[in-house]
Protein backbone atom coordinates (compact mmCIF):
# COMPACT_ATOMS: atom_id res chain seq x y z
CA MET A 1 103.52 111.87 141.29
CA ALA A 2 105.65 112.02 137.72
CA SER A 3 104.88 114.51 135.32
CA ASN A 4 104.44 114.06 131.71
CA PRO A 5 105.74 117.01 130.29
CA ILE A 6 104.32 117.46 126.18
CA THR A 7 106.38 118.21 123.72
CA LYS A 8 105.52 120.60 121.17
CA VAL A 9 106.87 119.97 117.47
CA THR A 10 106.92 122.75 115.08
CA ALA A 11 104.92 122.31 111.55
CA GLU A 12 108.23 121.50 109.88
CA GLU A 13 108.98 118.62 112.68
CA TYR A 14 105.10 117.36 112.11
CA LEU A 15 105.38 116.96 108.66
CA ALA A 16 108.56 115.12 108.67
CA LEU A 17 107.34 112.20 110.85
CA ASP A 18 103.85 112.04 109.53
CA ARG A 19 105.25 111.35 106.19
CA ALA A 20 106.78 108.07 107.32
CA ALA A 21 103.79 107.22 110.17
CA GLU A 22 102.17 104.09 109.61
CA PHE A 23 98.97 105.87 111.34
CA ARG A 24 97.33 108.82 110.47
CA SER A 25 97.39 111.79 113.18
CA GLU A 26 96.78 115.95 113.06
CA PHE A 27 99.03 118.68 114.56
CA LEU A 28 97.27 121.01 116.71
CA ASP A 29 99.25 124.24 118.34
CA GLY A 30 102.64 121.89 118.79
CA GLU A 31 101.06 118.87 119.58
CA ILE A 32 100.37 115.53 118.03
CA ILE A 33 96.84 114.06 117.99
CA ALA A 34 96.29 110.31 116.57
CA MET A 35 93.21 109.99 114.95
CA SER A 36 91.61 106.85 114.23
CA GLY A 37 91.10 105.17 111.06
CA GLY A 38 88.03 105.65 109.02
CA SER A 39 86.14 102.55 107.79
CA MET A 40 84.14 102.12 104.62
CA ARG A 41 80.43 102.51 106.52
CA HIS A 42 82.02 106.04 107.80
CA SER A 43 82.58 107.17 104.28
CA GLU A 44 79.37 106.16 103.45
CA LEU A 45 77.30 107.86 105.90
CA GLY A 46 79.64 111.15 105.79
CA ALA A 47 78.37 111.21 102.02
CA ASN A 48 75.08 110.26 102.44
CA LEU A 49 75.00 113.29 104.74
CA ILE A 50 76.50 115.66 102.31
CA GLY A 51 74.19 114.47 100.32
CA GLU A 52 70.87 115.52 102.43
CA VAL A 53 72.37 118.72 103.48
CA ARG A 54 73.23 119.57 100.00
CA ALA A 55 69.40 118.38 98.64
CA ALA A 56 68.23 120.87 101.76
């Protein structure tokens, strides 16, 4: 069975890659993790939730 080693990157390397990237990602403990894209509906739900929490 072939192993797939995880290559760790530095914060500086991540920032350089992120600036040129087409898609969003996050950096966690040296690993680059792909993030899903947000939608207008997702933003609306988040804003409504924050409003409800603030009102409470």
